Amino acid sequence: MRLAKVLTAAAAVSLVATPALAQAAPSVERIGASQSEDSELAGGSGIIIAVLAAAAVIAAIVIAVDGGDDEPVSP
């Protein structure tokens, strides 16, 4: 019981301290790299994600509608 209270207190302290520690971190100035050529992909990754989502939906439908034999094996 005592260990559970100690772990709960440690978790609470870490949740409270994390935003303060993140805010106190020094800021770093980021400089982007120059890009000499445009991307040759017409639709970017959006098309790939859409195709993968459609494949997942079709696979889910095939698995759900599987017309397998649902008879019990035992007599």
PDB file of N, CA and C in Angstrom:
ATOM      1  N   MET A   1       0.830  -1.189   0.000  1.00  0.00           N
ATOM      2  CA  MET A   1       0.000   0.000   0.000  1.00  0.00           C
ATOM      3  C   MET A   1       0.874   1.253   0.000  1.00  0.00           C
ATOM      4  N   ARG A   2       1.952   1.214   0.778  1.00  0.00           N
ATOM      5  CA  ARG A   2       2.825   2.373   0.880  1.00  0.00           C
ATOM      6  C   ARG A   2       3.553   2.608  -0.447  1.00  0.00           C
ATOM      7  N   LEU A   3       3.973   1.514  -1.109  1.00  0.00           N
ATOM      8  CA  LEU A   3       4.658   1.632  -2.386  1.00  0.00           C
ATOM      9  C   LEU A   3       3.732   2.253  -3.442  1.00  0.00           C
ATOM     10  N   ALA A   4       2.471   1.885  -3.411  1.00  0.00           N
ATOM     11  CA  ALA A   4       1.516   2.445  -4.364  1.00  0.00           C
ATOM     12  C   ALA A   4       1.360   3.947  -4.169  1.00  0.00           C
ATOM     13  N   LYS A   5       1.355   4.399  -2.925  1.00  0.00           N
ATOM     14  CA  LYS A   5       1.235   5.836  -2.638  1.00  0.00           C
ATOM     15  C   LYS A   5       2.483   6.579  -3.100  1.00  0.00           C
ATOM     16  N   VAL A   6       3.650   5.973  -2.897  1.00  0.00           N
ATOM     17  CA  VAL A   6       4.893   6.614  -3.325  1.00  0.00           C
ATOM     18  C   VAL A   6       4.928   6.715  -4.850  1.00  0.00           C
ATOM     19  N   LEU A   7       4.542   5.647  -5.544  1.00  0.00           N
ATOM     20  CA  LEU A   7       4.527   5.673  -7.004  1.00  0.00           C
ATOM     21  C   LEU A   7       3.500   6.671  -7.537  1.00  0.00           C
ATOM     22  N   THR A   8       2.370   6.775  -6.884  1.00  0.00           N
ATOM     23  CA  THR A   8       1.352   7.745  -7.291  1.00  0.00           C
ATOM     24  C   THR A   8       1.862   9.166  -7.113  1.00  0.00           C
ATOM     25  N   ALA A   9       2.525   9.418  -6.003  1.00  0.00           N
ATOM     26  CA  ALA A   9       3.083  10.749  -5.756  1.00  0.00           C
ATOM     27  C   ALA A   9       4.174  11.076  -6.771  1.00  0.00           C
ATOM     28  N   ALA A  10       5.015  10.111  -7.100  1.00  0.00           N
ATOM     29  CA  ALA A  10       6.077  10.338  -8.086  1.00  0.00           C
ATOM     30  C   ALA A  10       5.490  10.633  -9.461  1.00  0.00           C
ATOM     31  N   ALA A  11       4.437   9.922  -9.815  1.00  0.00           N
ATOM     32  CA  ALA A  11       3.786  10.170 -11.101  1.00  0.00           C
ATOM     33  C   ALA A  11       3.164  11.562 -11.139  1.00  0.00           C
ATOM     34  N   ALA A  12       2.545  11.971 -10.047  1.00  0.00           N
ATOM     35  CA  ALA A  12       1.925  13.296  -9.985  1.00  0.00           C
ATOM     36  C   ALA A  12       2.981  14.394 -10.091  1.00  0.00           C
ATOM     37  N   VAL A  13       4.100  14.217  -9.413  1.00  0.00           N
ATOM     38  CA  VAL A  13       5.166  15.220  -9.468  1.00  0.00           C
ATOM     39  C   VAL A  13       5.742  15.305 -10.882  1.00  0.00           C
ATOM     40  N   SER A  14       5.924  14.168 -11.531  1.00  0.00           N
ATOM     41  CA  SER A  14       6.473  14.196 -12.892  1.00  0.00           C
ATOM     42  C   SER A  14       5.505  14.858 -13.865  1.00  0.00           C
ATOM     43  N   LEU A  15       4.205  14.644 -13.689  1.00  0.00           N
ATOM     44  CA  LEU A  15       3.227  15.297 -14.562  1.00  0.00           C
ATOM     45  C   LEU A  15       3.185  16.802 -14.346  1.00  0.00           C
ATOM     46  N   VAL A  16       3.379  17.228 -13.119  1.00  0.00           N
ATOM     47  CA  VAL A  16       3.357  18.652 -12.825  1.00  0.00           C
ATOM     48  C   VAL A  16       4.651  19.319 -13.289  1.00  0.00           C
ATOM     49  N   ALA A  17       5.783  18.652 -13.152  1.00  0.00           N
ATOM     50  CA  ALA A  17       7.075  19.261 -13.455  1.00  0.00           C
ATOM     51  C   ALA A  17       7.399  19.288 -14.938  1.00  0.00           C
ATOM     52  N   THR A  18       6.839  18.420 -15.728  1.00  0.00           N
ATOM     53  CA  THR A  18       7.199  18.325 -17.139  1.00  0.00           C
ATOM     54  C   THR A  18       6.952  19.617 -17.916  1.00  0.00           C
ATOM     55  N   PRO A  19       5.789  20.265 -17.818  1.00  0.00           N
ATOM     56  CA  PRO A  19       5.606  21.517 -18.571  1.00  0.00           C
ATOM     57  C   PRO A  19       6.573  22.620 -18.127  1.00  0.00           C
ATOM     58  N   ALA A  20       6.864  22.686 -16.836  1.00  0.00           N
ATOM     59  CA  ALA A  20       7.783  23.707 -16.349  1.00  0.00           C
ATOM     60  C   ALA A  20       9.189  23.476 -16.883  1.00  0.00           C
ATOM     61  N   LEU A  21       9.612  22.239 -16.944  1.00  0.00           N
ATOM     62  CA  LEU A  21      10.937  21.928 -17.470  1.00  0.00           C
ATOM     63  C   LEU A  21      11.005  22.190 -18.973  1.00  0.00           C
ATOM     64  N   ALA A  22       9.946  21.902 -19.678  1.00  0.00           N
ATOM     65  CA  ALA A  22       9.926  22.133 -21.114  1.00  0.00           C
ATOM     66  C   ALA A  22       9.934  23.620 -21.436  1.00  0.00           C
ATOM     67  N   GLN A  23       9.276  24.409 -20.614  1.00  0.00           N
ATOM     68  CA  GLN A  23       9.226  25.851 -20.838  1.00  0.00           C
ATOM     69  C   GLN A  23      10.566  26.493 -20.503  1.00  0.00           C
ATOM     70  N   ALA A  24      11.287  25.949 -19.547  1.00  0.00           N
ATOM     71  CA  ALA A  24      12.546  26.528 -19.119  1.00  0.00           C
ATOM     72  C   ALA A  24      13.698  26.191 -20.068  1.00  0.00           C
ATOM     73  N   ALA A  25      13.483  25.279 -20.995  1.00  0.00           N
ATOM     74  CA  ALA A  25      14.537  24.890 -21.920  1.00  0.00           C
ATOM     75  C   ALA A  25      14.879  26.063 -22.841  1.00  0.00           C
ATOM     76  N   PRO A  26      16.170  26.226 -23.137  1.00  0.00           N
ATOM     77  CA  PRO A  26      16.549  27.341 -24.021  1.00  0.00           C
ATOM     78  C   PRO A  26      16.029  27.105 -25.435  1.00  0.00           C
ATOM     79  N   SER A  27      15.619  28.186 -26.061  1.00  0.00           N
ATOM     80  CA  SER A  27      15.081  28.054 -27.416  1.00  0.00           C
ATOM     81  C   SER A  27      16.223  28.000 -28.419  1.00  0.00           C
ATOM     82  N   VAL A  28      16.023  27.219 -29.456  1.00  0.00           N
ATOM     83  CA  VAL A  28      17.024  27.050 -30.500  1.00  0.00           C
ATOM     84  C   VAL A  28      16.446  27.611 -31.784  1.00  0.00           C
ATOM     85  N   GLU A  29      17.209  28.458 -32.443  1.00  0.00           N
ATOM     86  CA  GLU A  29      16.745  29.022 -33.699  1.00  0.00           C
ATOM     87  C   GLU A  29      16.982  28.009 -34.809  1.00  0.00           C
ATOM     88  N   ARG A  30      15.927  27.705 -35.546  1.00  0.00           N
ATOM     89  CA  ARG A  30      16.027  26.730 -36.624  1.00  0.00           C
ATOM     90  C   ARG A  30      16.110  27.454 -37.962  1.00  0.00           C
ATOM     91  N   ILE A  31      16.988  26.954 -38.779  1.00  0.00           N
ATOM     92  CA  ILE A  31      17.137  27.509 -40.120  1.00  0.00           C
ATOM     93  C   ILE A  31      16.900  26.383 -41.109  1.00  0.00           C
ATOM     94  N   GLY A  32      15.954  26.567 -42.012  1.00  0.00           N
ATOM     95  CA  GLY A  32      15.622  25.540 -42.988  1.00  0.00           C
ATOM     96  C   GLY A  32      16.660  25.475 -44.100  1.00  0.00           C
ATOM     97  N   ALA A  33      16.835  24.293 -44.643  1.00  0.00           N
ATOM     98  CA  ALA A  33      17.753  24.108 -45.760  1.00  0.00           C
ATOM     99  C   ALA A  33      17.103  24.606 -47.042  1.00  0.00           C
ATOM    100  N   SER A  34      17.894  25.136 -47.921  1.00  0.00           N
ATOM    101  CA  SER A  34      17.333  25.612 -49.185  1.00  0.00           C
ATOM    102  C   SER A  34      17.029  24.426 -50.084  1.00  0.00           C
ATOM    103  N   GLN A  35      15.987  24.575 -50.872  1.00  0.00           N
ATOM    104  CA  GLN A  35      15.564  23.506 -51.764  1.00  0.00           C
ATOM    105  C   GLN A  35      15.690  24.019 -53.185  1.00  0.00           C
ATOM    106  N   SER A  36      16.447  23.287 -53.984  1.00  0.00           N
ATOM    107  CA  SER A  36      16.695  23.775 -55.332  1.00  0.00           C
ATOM    108  C   SER A  36      15.666  23.287 -56.341  1.00  0.00           C
ATOM    109  N   GLU A  37      15.032  22.148 -56.069  1.00  0.00           N
ATOM    110  CA  GLU A  37      14.062  21.619 -57.015  1.00  0.00           C
ATOM    111  C   GLU A  37      12.733  21.344 -56.315  1.00  0.00           C
ATOM    112  N   ASP A  38      11.657  21.448 -57.069  1.00  0.00           N
ATOM    113  CA  ASP A  38      10.342  21.118 -56.537  1.00  0.00           C
ATOM    114  C   ASP A  38      10.147  19.607 -56.539  1.00  0.00           C
ATOM    115  N   SER A  39       9.235  19.163 -55.724  1.00  0.00           N
ATOM    116  CA  SER A  39       8.923  17.746 -55.687  1.00  0.00           C
ATOM    117  C   SER A  39       8.211  17.336 -56.962  1.00  0.00           C
ATOM    118  N   GLU A  40       8.511  16.152 -57.453  1.00  0.00           N
ATOM    119  CA  GLU A  40       7.883  15.673 -58.680  1.00  0.00           C
ATOM    120  C   GLU A  40       6.620  14.858 -58.400  1.00  0.00           C
ATOM    121  N   LEU A  41       6.299  14.624 -57.144  1.00  0.00           N
ATOM    122  CA  LEU A  41       5.081  13.888 -56.818  1.00  0.00           C
ATOM    123  C   LEU A  41       3.889  14.809 -57.000  1.00  0.00           C
ATOM    124  N   ALA A  42       2.889  14.345 -57.722  1.00  0.00           N
ATOM    125  CA  ALA A  42       1.736  15.184 -58.018  1.00  0.00           C
ATOM    126  C   ALA A  42       0.850  15.366 -56.789  1.00  0.00           C
ATOM    127  N   GLY A  43       0.558  14.266 -56.074  1.00  0.00           N
ATOM    128  CA  GLY A  43      -0.362  14.369 -54.963  1.00  0.00           C
ATOM    129  C   GLY A  43       0.289  14.269 -53.606  1.00  0.00           C
ATOM    130  N   GLY A  44       1.553  14.082 -53.551  1.00  0.00           N
ATOM    131  CA  GLY A  44       2.228  13.961 -52.274  1.00  0.00           C
ATOM    132  C   GLY A  44       1.871  12.652 -51.594  1.00  0.00           C
ATOM    133  N   SER A  45       1.907  12.659 -50.294  1.00  0.00           N
ATOM    134  CA  SER A  45       1.624  11.429 -49.552  1.00  0.00           C
ATOM    135  C   SER A  45       0.125  11.229 -49.333  1.00  0.00           C
ATOM    136  N   GLY A  46      -0.692  12.201 -49.681  1.00  0.00           N
ATOM    137  CA  GLY A  46      -2.135  12.077 -49.495  1.00  0.00           C
ATOM    138  C   GLY A  46      -2.734  10.939 -50.304  1.00  0.00           C
ATOM    139  N   ILE A  47      -2.239  10.756 -51.510  1.00  0.00           N
ATOM    140  CA  ILE A  47      -2.750   9.681 -52.367  1.00  0.00           C
ATOM    141  C   ILE A  47      -2.363   8.326 -51.794  1.00  0.00           C
ATOM    142  N   ILE A  48      -1.132   8.221 -51.306  1.00  0.00           N
ATOM    143  CA  ILE A  48      -0.678   6.948 -50.730  1.00  0.00           C
ATOM    144  C   ILE A  48      -1.505   6.596 -49.505  1.00  0.00           C
ATOM    145  N   ILE A  49      -1.764   7.579 -48.660  1.00  0.00           N
ATOM    146  CA  ILE A  49      -2.570   7.339 -47.458  1.00  0.00           C
ATOM    147  C   ILE A  49      -3.992   6.931 -47.839  1.00  0.00           C
ATOM    148  N   ALA A  50      -4.561   7.575 -48.858  1.00  0.00           N
ATOM    149  CA  ALA A  50      -5.915   7.236 -49.287  1.00  0.00           C
ATOM    150  C   ALA A  50      -5.979   5.805 -49.822  1.00  0.00           C
ATOM    151  N   VAL A  51      -4.966   5.393 -50.595  1.00  0.00           N
ATOM    152  CA  VAL A  51      -4.942   4.029 -51.137  1.00  0.00           C
ATOM    153  C   VAL A  51      -4.808   3.013 -50.009  1.00  0.00           C
ATOM    154  N   LEU A  52      -3.941   3.292 -49.049  1.00  0.00           N
ATOM    155  CA  LEU A  52      -3.783   2.377 -47.907  1.00  0.00           C
ATOM    156  C   LEU A  52      -5.058   2.303 -47.066  1.00  0.00           C
ATOM    157  N   ALA A  53      -5.743   3.419 -46.882  1.00  0.00           N
ATOM    158  CA  ALA A  53      -6.999   3.418 -46.126  1.00  0.00           C
ATOM    159  C   ALA A  53      -8.069   2.619 -46.853  1.00  0.00           C
ATOM    160  N   ALA A  54      -8.142   2.784 -48.165  1.00  0.00           N
ATOM    161  CA  ALA A  54      -9.119   2.026 -48.947  1.00  0.00           C
ATOM    162  C   ALA A  54      -8.817   0.526 -48.879  1.00  0.00           C
ATOM    163  N   ALA A  55      -7.539   0.161 -48.942  1.00  0.00           N
ATOM    164  CA  ALA A  55      -7.165  -1.252 -48.833  1.00  0.00           C
ATOM    165  C   ALA A  55      -7.525  -1.813 -47.466  1.00  0.00           C
ATOM    166  N   ALA A  56      -7.356  -1.010 -46.422  1.00  0.00           N
ATOM    167  CA  ALA A  56      -7.703  -1.458 -45.074  1.00  0.00           C
ATOM    168  C   ALA A  56      -9.209  -1.667 -44.931  1.00  0.00           C
ATOM    169  N   VAL A  57     -10.005  -0.767 -45.512  1.00  0.00           N
ATOM    170  CA  VAL A  57     -11.459  -0.902 -45.452  1.00  0.00           C
ATOM    171  C   VAL A  57     -11.907  -2.147 -46.214  1.00  0.00           C
ATOM    172  N   ILE A  58     -11.334  -2.360 -47.387  1.00  0.00           N
ATOM    173  CA  ILE A  58     -11.701  -3.541 -48.180  1.00  0.00           C
ATOM    174  C   ILE A  58     -11.307  -4.822 -47.442  1.00  0.00           C
ATOM    175  N   ALA A  59     -10.129  -4.830 -46.839  1.00  0.00           N
ATOM    176  CA  ALA A  59      -9.695  -6.009 -46.080  1.00  0.00           C
ATOM    177  C   ALA A  59     -10.616  -6.263 -44.892  1.00  0.00           C
ATOM    178  N   ALA A  60     -11.049  -5.207 -44.218  1.00  0.00           N
ATOM    179  CA  ALA A  60     -11.957  -5.368 -43.078  1.00  0.00           C
ATOM    180  C   ALA A  60     -13.299  -5.932 -43.528  1.00  0.00           C
ATOM    181  N   ILE A  61     -13.793  -5.476 -44.676  1.00  0.00           N
ATOM    182  CA  ILE A  61     -15.065  -5.990 -45.201  1.00  0.00           C
ATOM    183  C   ILE A  61     -14.930  -7.457 -45.564  1.00  0.00           C
ATOM    184  N   VAL A  62     -13.829  -7.830 -46.212  1.00  0.00           N
ATOM    185  CA  VAL A  62     -13.620  -9.228 -46.598  1.00  0.00           C
ATOM    186  C   VAL A  62     -13.534 -10.117 -45.372  1.00  0.00           C
ATOM    187  N   ILE A  63     -12.850  -9.665 -44.340  1.00  0.00           N
ATOM    188  CA  ILE A  63     -12.738 -10.461 -43.115  1.00  0.00           C
ATOM    189  C   ILE A  63     -14.091 -10.575 -42.419  1.00  0.00           C
ATOM    190  N   ALA A  64     -14.868  -9.482 -42.397  1.00  0.00           N
ATOM    191  CA  ALA A  64     -16.161  -9.491 -41.708  1.00  0.00           C
ATOM    192  C   ALA A  64     -17.192 -10.356 -42.429  1.00  0.00           C
ATOM    193  N   VAL A  65     -17.135 -10.414 -43.750  1.00  0.00           N
ATOM    194  CA  VAL A  65     -18.131 -11.124 -44.527  1.00  0.00           C
ATOM    195  C   VAL A  65     -17.642 -12.524 -44.903  1.00  0.00           C
ATOM    196  N   ASP A  66     -16.565 -12.951 -44.315  1.00  0.00           N
ATOM    197  CA  ASP A  66     -15.997 -14.258 -44.634  1.00  0.00           C
ATOM    198  C   ASP A  66     -17.075 -15.324 -44.516  1.00  0.00           C
ATOM    199  N   GLY A  67     -17.322 -16.030 -45.586  1.00  0.00           N
ATOM    200  CA  GLY A  67     -18.373 -17.041 -45.622  1.00  0.00           C
ATOM    201  C   GLY A  67     -17.876 -18.402 -45.188  1.00  0.00           C
ATOM    202  N   GLY A  68     -16.999 -18.425 -44.226  1.00  0.00           N
ATOM    203  CA  GLY A  68     -16.421 -19.683 -43.756  1.00  0.00           C
ATOM    204  C   GLY A  68     -17.447 -20.556 -43.065  1.00  0.00           C
ATOM    205  N   ASP A  69     -17.054 -21.768 -42.818  1.00  0.00           N
ATOM    206  CA  ASP A  69     -17.920 -22.741 -42.170  1.00  0.00           C
ATOM    207  C   ASP A  69     -17.940 -22.454 -40.669  1.00  0.00           C
ATOM    208  N   ASP A  70     -19.088 -22.042 -40.135  1.00  0.00           N
ATOM    209  CA  ASP A  70     -19.206 -21.706 -38.718  1.00  0.00           C
ATOM    210  C   ASP A  70     -19.749 -22.863 -37.900  1.00  0.00           C
ATOM    211  N   GLU A  71     -19.726 -24.062 -38.452  1.00  0.00           N
ATOM    212  CA  GLU A  71     -20.216 -25.242 -37.725  1.00  0.00           C
ATOM    213  C   GLU A  71     -19.236 -25.575 -36.597  1.00  0.00           C
ATOM    214  N   PRO A  72     -19.752 -25.975 -35.443  1.00  0.00           N
ATOM    215  CA  PRO A  72     -18.853 -26.361 -34.355  1.00  0.00           C
ATOM    216  C   PRO A  72     -18.136 -27.676 -34.692  1.00  0.00           C
ATOM    217  N   VAL A  73     -16.913 -27.807 -34.197  1.00  0.00           N
ATOM    218  CA  VAL A  73     -16.119 -28.992 -34.497  1.00  0.00           C
ATOM    219  C   VAL A  73     -16.509 -30.150 -33.580  1.00  0.00           C
ATOM    220  N   SER A  74     -16.854 -29.836 -32.348  1.00  0.00           N
ATOM    221  CA  SER A  74     -17.207 -30.902 -31.404  1.00  0.00           C
ATOM    222  C   SER A  74     -18.642 -31.393 -31.634  1.00  0.00           C
ATOM    223  N   PRO A  75     -18.912 -32.660 -31.334  1.00  0.00           N
ATOM    224  CA  PRO A  75     -20.260 -33.186 -31.566  1.00  0.00           C
ATOM    225  C   PRO A  75     -21.296 -32.684 -30.587  1.00  0.00           C
TER     226      PRO A  75
END
